[in-house]
Amino acid sequence: MLANAFGLAGTRTAVSGYAYGGTTNYGVYGNAYGGTTNYAGYFNGNLFATTIYQGSDRKLKTDINPLQNSLQQLMKN
């Protein structure tokens, strides 16, 4: 799919997505595979988001162990 929005004034949206009512909703979903380089999303310009999800969550990790002597390790040269 290729989407373009042209004009000289006002706001234009080339691609817009809206999803609601399900258990999991994706307003815009991208999947890329099989090439030498794969991008599910590529943005050339500023990006604005009101909410960001970062997948660095304890439930997504395994073999988590507490740090021992953490302050001493941080103070090493």
PDB file of N, CA and C in Angstrom:
ATOM      1  N   MET A   1       0.843  -1.163   0.000  1.00  0.00           N
ATOM      2  CA  MET A   1       0.000   0.000   0.000  1.00  0.00           C
ATOM      3  C   MET A   1       0.891   1.230   0.000  1.00  0.00           C
ATOM      4  N   LEU A   2       0.533   2.180  -0.779  1.00  0.00           N
ATOM      5  CA  LEU A   2       1.198   3.474  -0.813  1.00  0.00           C
ATOM      6  C   LEU A   2       0.141   4.538  -0.580  1.00  0.00           C
ATOM      7  N   ALA A   3       0.423   5.432   0.350  1.00  0.00           N
ATOM      8  CA  ALA A   3      -0.528   6.493   0.646  1.00  0.00           C
ATOM      9  C   ALA A   3       0.181   7.835   0.567  1.00  0.00           C
ATOM     10  N   ASN A   4      -0.457   8.807  -0.035  1.00  0.00           N
ATOM     11  CA  ASN A   4       0.082  10.153  -0.161  1.00  0.00           C
ATOM     12  C   ASN A   4      -0.974  11.158   0.260  1.00  0.00           C
ATOM     13  N   ALA A   5      -0.516  12.246   0.832  1.00  0.00           N
ATOM     14  CA  ALA A   5      -1.404  13.361   1.168  1.00  0.00           C
ATOM     15  C   ALA A   5      -0.704  14.647   0.760  1.00  0.00           C
ATOM     16  N   PHE A   6      -1.291  15.380  -0.151  1.00  0.00           N
ATOM     17  CA  PHE A   6      -0.677  16.595  -0.676  1.00  0.00           C
ATOM     18  C   PHE A   6      -1.566  17.800  -0.418  1.00  0.00           C
ATOM     19  N   GLY A   7      -0.966  18.958  -0.416  1.00  0.00           N
ATOM     20  CA  GLY A   7      -1.723  20.195  -0.266  1.00  0.00           C
ATOM     21  C   GLY A   7      -0.823  21.322   0.180  1.00  0.00           C
ATOM     22  N   LEU A   8      -1.371  22.506   0.212  1.00  0.00           N
ATOM     23  CA  LEU A   8      -0.586  23.681   0.568  1.00  0.00           C
ATOM     24  C   LEU A   8      -0.923  24.230   1.942  1.00  0.00           C
ATOM     25  N   ALA A   9      -2.037  23.845   2.520  1.00  0.00           N
ATOM     26  CA  ALA A   9      -2.430  24.379   3.824  1.00  0.00           C
ATOM     27  C   ALA A   9      -3.210  23.332   4.598  1.00  0.00           C
ATOM     28  N   GLY A  10      -3.273  23.499   5.896  1.00  0.00           N
ATOM     29  CA  GLY A  10      -4.052  22.604   6.728  1.00  0.00           C
ATOM     30  C   GLY A  10      -3.291  21.341   7.096  1.00  0.00           C
ATOM     31  N   THR A  11      -4.012  20.362   7.596  1.00  0.00           N
ATOM     32  CA  THR A  11      -3.434  19.094   8.042  1.00  0.00           C
ATOM     33  C   THR A  11      -3.879  17.982   7.121  1.00  0.00           C
ATOM     34  N   ARG A  12      -2.962  17.133   6.755  1.00  0.00           N
ATOM     35  CA  ARG A  12      -3.267  15.969   5.938  1.00  0.00           C
ATOM     36  C   ARG A  12      -2.764  14.707   6.617  1.00  0.00           C
ATOM     37  N   THR A  13      -3.468  13.623   6.479  1.00  0.00           N
ATOM     38  CA  THR A  13      -3.062  12.324   7.013  1.00  0.00           C
ATOM     39  C   THR A  13      -3.049  11.331   5.874  1.00  0.00           C
ATOM     40  N   ALA A  14      -1.886  10.737   5.609  1.00  0.00           N
ATOM     41  CA  ALA A  14      -1.789   9.778   4.515  1.00  0.00           C
ATOM     42  C   ALA A  14      -2.246   8.391   4.960  1.00  0.00           C
ATOM     43  N   VAL A  15      -1.874   7.993   6.157  1.00  0.00           N
ATOM     44  CA  VAL A  15      -2.276   6.677   6.685  1.00  0.00           C
ATOM     45  C   VAL A  15      -2.781   6.891   8.099  1.00  0.00           C
ATOM     46  N   SER A  16      -3.942   6.351   8.399  1.00  0.00           N
ATOM     47  CA  SER A  16      -4.522   6.483   9.725  1.00  0.00           C
ATOM     48  C   SER A  16      -5.179   5.166  10.094  1.00  0.00           C
ATOM     49  N   GLY A  17      -5.073   4.787  11.340  1.00  0.00           N
ATOM     50  CA  GLY A  17      -5.710   3.550  11.779  1.00  0.00           C
ATOM     51  C   GLY A  17      -6.420   3.746  13.098  1.00  0.00           C
ATOM     52  N   TYR A  18      -7.494   3.006  13.290  1.00  0.00           N
ATOM     53  CA  TYR A  18      -8.277   3.096  14.514  1.00  0.00           C
ATOM     54  C   TYR A  18      -8.852   1.720  14.802  1.00  0.00           C
ATOM     55  N   ALA A  19      -8.610   1.215  15.984  1.00  0.00           N
ATOM     56  CA  ALA A  19      -9.125  -0.102  16.365  1.00  0.00           C
ATOM     57  C   ALA A  19      -9.667  -0.029  17.785  1.00  0.00           C
ATOM     58  N   TYR A  20     -10.799  -0.650  18.022  1.00  0.00           N
ATOM     59  CA  TYR A  20     -11.381  -0.642  19.360  1.00  0.00           C
ATOM     60  C   TYR A  20     -12.285  -1.850  19.537  1.00  0.00           C
ATOM     61  N   GLY A  21     -12.567  -2.179  20.793  1.00  0.00           N
ATOM     62  CA  GLY A  21     -13.556  -3.194  21.111  1.00  0.00           C
ATOM     63  C   GLY A  21     -13.020  -4.607  21.245  1.00  0.00           C
ATOM     64  N   GLY A  22     -11.789  -4.853  20.878  1.00  0.00           N
ATOM     65  CA  GLY A  22     -11.242  -6.197  20.979  1.00  0.00           C
ATOM     66  C   GLY A  22     -10.437  -6.377  22.251  1.00  0.00           C
ATOM     67  N   THR A  23      -9.922  -7.569  22.439  1.00  0.00           N
ATOM     68  CA  THR A  23      -9.035  -7.822  23.565  1.00  0.00           C
ATOM     69  C   THR A  23      -7.711  -7.107  23.349  1.00  0.00           C
ATOM     70  N   THR A  24      -7.191  -7.202  22.143  1.00  0.00           N
ATOM     71  CA  THR A  24      -5.983  -6.486  21.740  1.00  0.00           C
ATOM     72  C   THR A  24      -6.311  -5.722  20.473  1.00  0.00           C
ATOM     73  N   ASN A  25      -5.970  -4.453  20.432  1.00  0.00           N
ATOM     74  CA  ASN A  25      -6.285  -3.611  19.280  1.00  0.00           C
ATOM     75  C   ASN A  25      -5.020  -2.966  18.738  1.00  0.00           C
ATOM     76  N   TYR A  26      -4.855  -2.975  17.435  1.00  0.00           N
ATOM     77  CA  TYR A  26      -3.744  -2.309  16.766  1.00  0.00           C
ATOM     78  C   TYR A  26      -4.324  -1.293  15.791  1.00  0.00           C
ATOM     79  N   GLY A  27      -4.050  -0.024  16.028  1.00  0.00           N
ATOM     80  CA  GLY A  27      -4.487   0.998  15.090  1.00  0.00           C
ATOM     81  C   GLY A  27      -3.716   0.889  13.784  1.00  0.00           C
ATOM     82  N   VAL A  28      -2.435   0.645  13.893  1.00  0.00           N
ATOM     83  CA  VAL A  28      -1.575   0.428  12.734  1.00  0.00           C
ATOM     84  C   VAL A  28      -0.640  -0.710  13.102  1.00  0.00           C
ATOM     85  N   TYR A  29      -0.527  -1.702  12.239  1.00  0.00           N
ATOM     86  CA  TYR A  29       0.312  -2.869  12.509  1.00  0.00           C
ATOM     87  C   TYR A  29       1.193  -3.128  11.304  1.00  0.00           C
ATOM     88  N   GLY A  30       2.460  -3.340  11.541  1.00  0.00           N
ATOM     89  CA  GLY A  30       3.380  -3.614  10.444  1.00  0.00           C
ATOM     90  C   GLY A  30       4.184  -4.867  10.707  1.00  0.00           C
ATOM     91  N   ASN A  31       4.488  -5.601   9.648  1.00  0.00           N
ATOM     92  CA  ASN A  31       5.293  -6.813   9.744  1.00  0.00           C
ATOM     93  C   ASN A  31       6.194  -6.862   8.521  1.00  0.00           C
ATOM     94  N   ALA A  32       7.470  -7.079   8.726  1.00  0.00           N
ATOM     95  CA  ALA A  32       8.416  -7.128   7.610  1.00  0.00           C
ATOM     96  C   ALA A  32       9.397  -8.275   7.836  1.00  0.00           C
ATOM     97  N   TYR A  33       9.596  -9.092   6.826  1.00  0.00           N
ATOM     98  CA  TYR A  33      10.518 -10.224   6.946  1.00  0.00           C
ATOM     99  C   TYR A  33      10.917 -10.708   5.559  1.00  0.00           C
ATOM    100  N   GLY A  34      11.967 -11.505   5.509  1.00  0.00           N
ATOM    101  CA  GLY A  34      12.353 -12.150   4.262  1.00  0.00           C
ATOM    102  C   GLY A  34      13.332 -11.370   3.399  1.00  0.00           C
ATOM    103  N   GLY A  35      13.665 -10.157   3.791  1.00  0.00           N
ATOM    104  CA  GLY A  35      14.593  -9.363   2.997  1.00  0.00           C
ATOM    105  C   GLY A  35      15.956  -9.280   3.665  1.00  0.00           C
ATOM    106  N   THR A  36      16.885  -8.649   3.009  1.00  0.00           N
ATOM    107  CA  THR A  36      18.191  -8.411   3.610  1.00  0.00           C
ATOM    108  C   THR A  36      18.058  -7.468   4.794  1.00  0.00           C
ATOM    109  N   THR A  37      17.253  -6.438   4.651  1.00  0.00           N
ATOM    110  CA  THR A  37      16.925  -5.509   5.726  1.00  0.00           C
ATOM    111  C   THR A  37      15.414  -5.436   5.830  1.00  0.00           C
ATOM    112  N   ASN A  38      14.895  -5.508   7.056  1.00  0.00           N
ATOM    113  CA  ASN A  38      13.446  -5.523   7.260  1.00  0.00           C
ATOM    114  C   ASN A  38      13.062  -4.475   8.302  1.00  0.00           C
ATOM    115  N   TYR A  39      12.131  -3.611   7.968  1.00  0.00           N
ATOM    116  CA  TYR A  39      11.589  -2.617   8.891  1.00  0.00           C
ATOM    117  C   TYR A  39      10.069  -2.749   8.907  1.00  0.00           C
ATOM    118  N   ALA A  40       9.505  -3.031  10.062  1.00  0.00           N
ATOM    119  CA  ALA A  40       8.049  -3.042  10.178  1.00  0.00           C
ATOM    120  C   ALA A  40       7.508  -1.621  10.145  1.00  0.00           C
ATOM    121  N   GLY A  41       8.335  -0.652  10.512  1.00  0.00           N
ATOM    122  CA  GLY A  41       7.976   0.750  10.416  1.00  0.00           C
ATOM    123  C   GLY A  41       9.217   1.573  10.136  1.00  0.00           C
ATOM    124  N   TYR A  42       9.108   2.510   9.248  1.00  0.00           N
ATOM    125  CA  TYR A  42      10.230   3.391   8.918  1.00  0.00           C
ATOM    126  C   TYR A  42       9.704   4.805   8.850  1.00  0.00           C
ATOM    127  N   PHE A  43      10.340   5.698   9.589  1.00  0.00           N
ATOM    128  CA  PHE A  43       9.880   7.082   9.652  1.00  0.00           C
ATOM    129  C   PHE A  43      11.028   7.988   9.277  1.00  0.00           C
ATOM    130  N   ASN A  44      10.831   8.833   8.305  1.00  0.00           N
ATOM    131  CA  ASN A  44      11.832   9.797   7.883  1.00  0.00           C
ATOM    132  C   ASN A  44      11.327  11.174   8.283  1.00  0.00           C
ATOM    133  N   GLY A  45      11.680  11.594   9.494  1.00  0.00           N
ATOM    134  CA  GLY A  45      11.201  12.860  10.031  1.00  0.00           C
ATOM    135  C   GLY A  45      10.881  12.716  11.499  1.00  0.00           C
ATOM    136  N   ASN A  46      10.358  13.763  12.081  1.00  0.00           N
ATOM    137  CA  ASN A  46      10.022  13.741  13.497  1.00  0.00           C
ATOM    138  C   ASN A  46       8.893  12.764  13.764  1.00  0.00           C
ATOM    139  N   LEU A  47       8.908  12.176  14.947  1.00  0.00           N
ATOM    140  CA  LEU A  47       7.874  11.233  15.362  1.00  0.00           C
ATOM    141  C   LEU A  47       7.239  11.754  16.641  1.00  0.00           C
ATOM    142  N   PHE A  48       5.925  11.751  16.690  1.00  0.00           N
ATOM    143  CA  PHE A  48       5.187  12.224  17.855  1.00  0.00           C
ATOM    144  C   PHE A  48       4.354  11.070  18.397  1.00  0.00           C
ATOM    145  N   ALA A  49       4.410  10.866  19.700  1.00  0.00           N
ATOM    146  CA  ALA A  49       3.599   9.826  20.336  1.00  0.00           C
ATOM    147  C   ALA A  49       3.085  10.352  21.664  1.00  0.00           C
ATOM    148  N   THR A  50       1.852  10.018  22.004  1.00  0.00           N
ATOM    149  CA  THR A  50       1.309  10.420  23.296  1.00  0.00           C
ATOM    150  C   THR A  50       1.561   9.339  24.344  1.00  0.00           C
ATOM    151  N   THR A  51       1.746   8.105  23.919  1.00  0.00           N
ATOM    152  CA  THR A  51       2.038   6.992  24.816  1.00  0.00           C
ATOM    153  C   THR A  51       3.065   6.097  24.153  1.00  0.00           C
ATOM    154  N   ILE A  52       4.054   5.668  24.920  1.00  0.00           N
ATOM    155  CA  ILE A  52       5.086   4.788  24.388  1.00  0.00           C
ATOM    156  C   ILE A  52       5.159   3.535  25.247  1.00  0.00           C
ATOM    157  N   TYR A  53       5.160   2.389  24.612  1.00  0.00           N
ATOM    158  CA  TYR A  53       5.352   1.117  25.303  1.00  0.00           C
ATOM    159  C   TYR A  53       6.776   0.663  25.082  1.00  0.00           C
ATOM    160  N   GLN A  54       7.482   0.394  26.155  1.00  0.00           N
ATOM    161  CA  GLN A  54       8.823  -0.142  26.058  1.00  0.00           C
ATOM    162  C   GLN A  54       8.799  -1.553  26.612  1.00  0.00           C
ATOM    163  N   GLY A  55       9.177  -2.498  25.791  1.00  0.00           N
ATOM    164  CA  GLY A  55       9.087  -3.914  26.153  1.00  0.00           C
ATOM    165  C   GLY A  55      10.157  -4.396  27.103  1.00  0.00           C
ATOM    166  N   SER A  56      10.676  -3.548  27.949  1.00  0.00           N
ATOM    167  CA  SER A  56      11.660  -3.967  28.937  1.00  0.00           C
ATOM    168  C   SER A  56      10.928  -4.234  30.245  1.00  0.00           C
ATOM    169  N   ASP A  57      10.177  -5.272  30.267  1.00  0.00           N
ATOM    170  CA  ASP A  57       9.334  -5.606  31.402  1.00  0.00           C
ATOM    171  C   ASP A  57       9.821  -6.900  32.037  1.00  0.00           C
ATOM    172  N   ARG A  58       9.759  -6.988  33.349  1.00  0.00           N
ATOM    173  CA  ARG A  58      10.224  -8.173  34.074  1.00  0.00           C
ATOM    174  C   ARG A  58       9.548  -9.448  33.573  1.00  0.00           C
ATOM    175  N   LYS A  59       8.282  -9.366  33.205  1.00  0.00           N
ATOM    176  CA  LYS A  59       7.585 -10.574  32.757  1.00  0.00           C
ATOM    177  C   LYS A  59       8.044 -11.035  31.375  1.00  0.00           C
ATOM    178  N   LEU A  60       8.807 -10.209  30.648  1.00  0.00           N
ATOM    179  CA  LEU A  60       9.327 -10.592  29.347  1.00  0.00           C
ATOM    180  C   LEU A  60      10.749 -11.146  29.435  1.00  0.00           C
ATOM    181  N   LYS A  61      11.335 -11.175  30.631  1.00  0.00           N
ATOM    182  CA  LYS A  61      12.730 -11.576  30.799  1.00  0.00           C
ATOM    183  C   LYS A  61      12.840 -12.872  31.587  1.00  0.00           C
ATOM    184  N   THR A  62      13.978 -13.529  31.422  1.00  0.00           N
ATOM    185  CA  THR A  62      14.266 -14.742  32.184  1.00  0.00           C
ATOM    186  C   THR A  62      15.628 -14.592  32.842  1.00  0.00           C
ATOM    187  N   ASP A  63      15.905 -15.444  33.807  1.00  0.00           N
ATOM    188  CA  ASP A  63      17.193 -15.479  34.503  1.00  0.00           C
ATOM    189  C   ASP A  63      17.586 -14.118  35.076  1.00  0.00           C
ATOM    190  N   ILE A  64      16.653 -13.467  35.757  1.00  0.00           N
ATOM    191  CA  ILE A  64      16.941 -12.191  36.404  1.00  0.00           C
ATOM    192  C   ILE A  64      17.479 -12.483  37.797  1.00  0.00           C
ATOM    193  N   ASN A  65      18.626 -11.905  38.093  1.00  0.00           N
ATOM    194  CA  ASN A  65      19.259 -12.102  39.396  1.00  0.00           C
ATOM    195  C   ASN A  65      19.558 -10.748  40.020  1.00  0.00           C
ATOM    196  N   PRO A  66      19.476 -10.648  41.357  1.00  0.00           N
ATOM    197  CA  PRO A  66      19.804  -9.377  42.006  1.00  0.00           C
ATOM    198  C   PRO A  66      21.294  -9.075  41.881  1.00  0.00           C
ATOM    199  N   LEU A  67      21.620  -7.781  41.814  1.00  0.00           N
ATOM    200  CA  LEU A  67      23.018  -7.363  41.766  1.00  0.00           C
ATOM    201  C   LEU A  67      23.632  -7.481  43.153  1.00  0.00           C
ATOM    202  N   GLN A  68      24.850  -7.943  43.198  1.00  0.00           N
ATOM    203  CA  GLN A  68      25.597  -8.018  44.451  1.00  0.00           C
ATOM    204  C   GLN A  68      26.599  -6.877  44.478  1.00  0.00           C
ATOM    205  N   ASN A  69      26.717  -6.180  45.601  1.00  0.00           N
ATOM    206  CA  ASN A  69      27.668  -5.069  45.757  1.00  0.00           C
ATOM    207  C   ASN A  69      27.507  -4.048  44.640  1.00  0.00           C
ATOM    208  N   SER A  70      26.301  -3.669  44.316  1.00  0.00           N
ATOM    209  CA  SER A  70      26.042  -2.798  43.168  1.00  0.00           C
ATOM    210  C   SER A  70      26.703  -1.425  43.307  1.00  0.00           C
ATOM    211  N   LEU A  71      26.688  -0.837  44.504  1.00  0.00           N
ATOM    212  CA  LEU A  71      27.302   0.469  44.673  1.00  0.00           C
ATOM    213  C   LEU A  71      28.814   0.385  44.445  1.00  0.00           C
ATOM    214  N   GLN A  72      29.441  -0.654  44.954  1.00  0.00           N
ATOM    215  CA  GLN A  72      30.884  -0.816  44.765  1.00  0.00           C
ATOM    216  C   GLN A  72      31.199  -1.005  43.275  1.00  0.00           C
ATOM    217  N   GLN A  73      30.359  -1.724  42.555  1.00  0.00           N
ATOM    218  CA  GLN A  73      30.597  -1.927  41.129  1.00  0.00           C
ATOM    219  C   GLN A  73      30.448  -0.622  40.355  1.00  0.00           C
ATOM    220  N   LEU A  74      29.498   0.205  40.750  1.00  0.00           N
ATOM    221  CA  LEU A  74      29.317   1.492  40.093  1.00  0.00           C
ATOM    222  C   LEU A  74      30.476   2.447  40.362  1.00  0.00           C
ATOM    223  N   MET A  75      31.073   2.343  41.529  1.00  0.00           N
ATOM    224  CA  MET A  75      32.145   3.251  41.917  1.00  0.00           C
ATOM    225  C   MET A  75      33.506   2.844  41.356  1.00  0.00           C
ATOM    226  N   LYS A  76      33.619   1.667  40.735  1.00  0.00           N
ATOM    227  CA  LYS A  76      34.893   1.237  40.154  1.00  0.00           C
ATOM    228  C   LYS A  76      35.278   2.168  39.001  1.00  0.00           C
ATOM    229  N   ASN A  77      36.588   2.351  38.826  1.00  0.00           N
ATOM    230  CA  ASN A  77      37.087   3.184  37.726  1.00  0.00           C
ATOM    231  C   ASN A  77      37.039   2.435  36.436  1.00  0.00           C
TER     232      ASN A  77
END
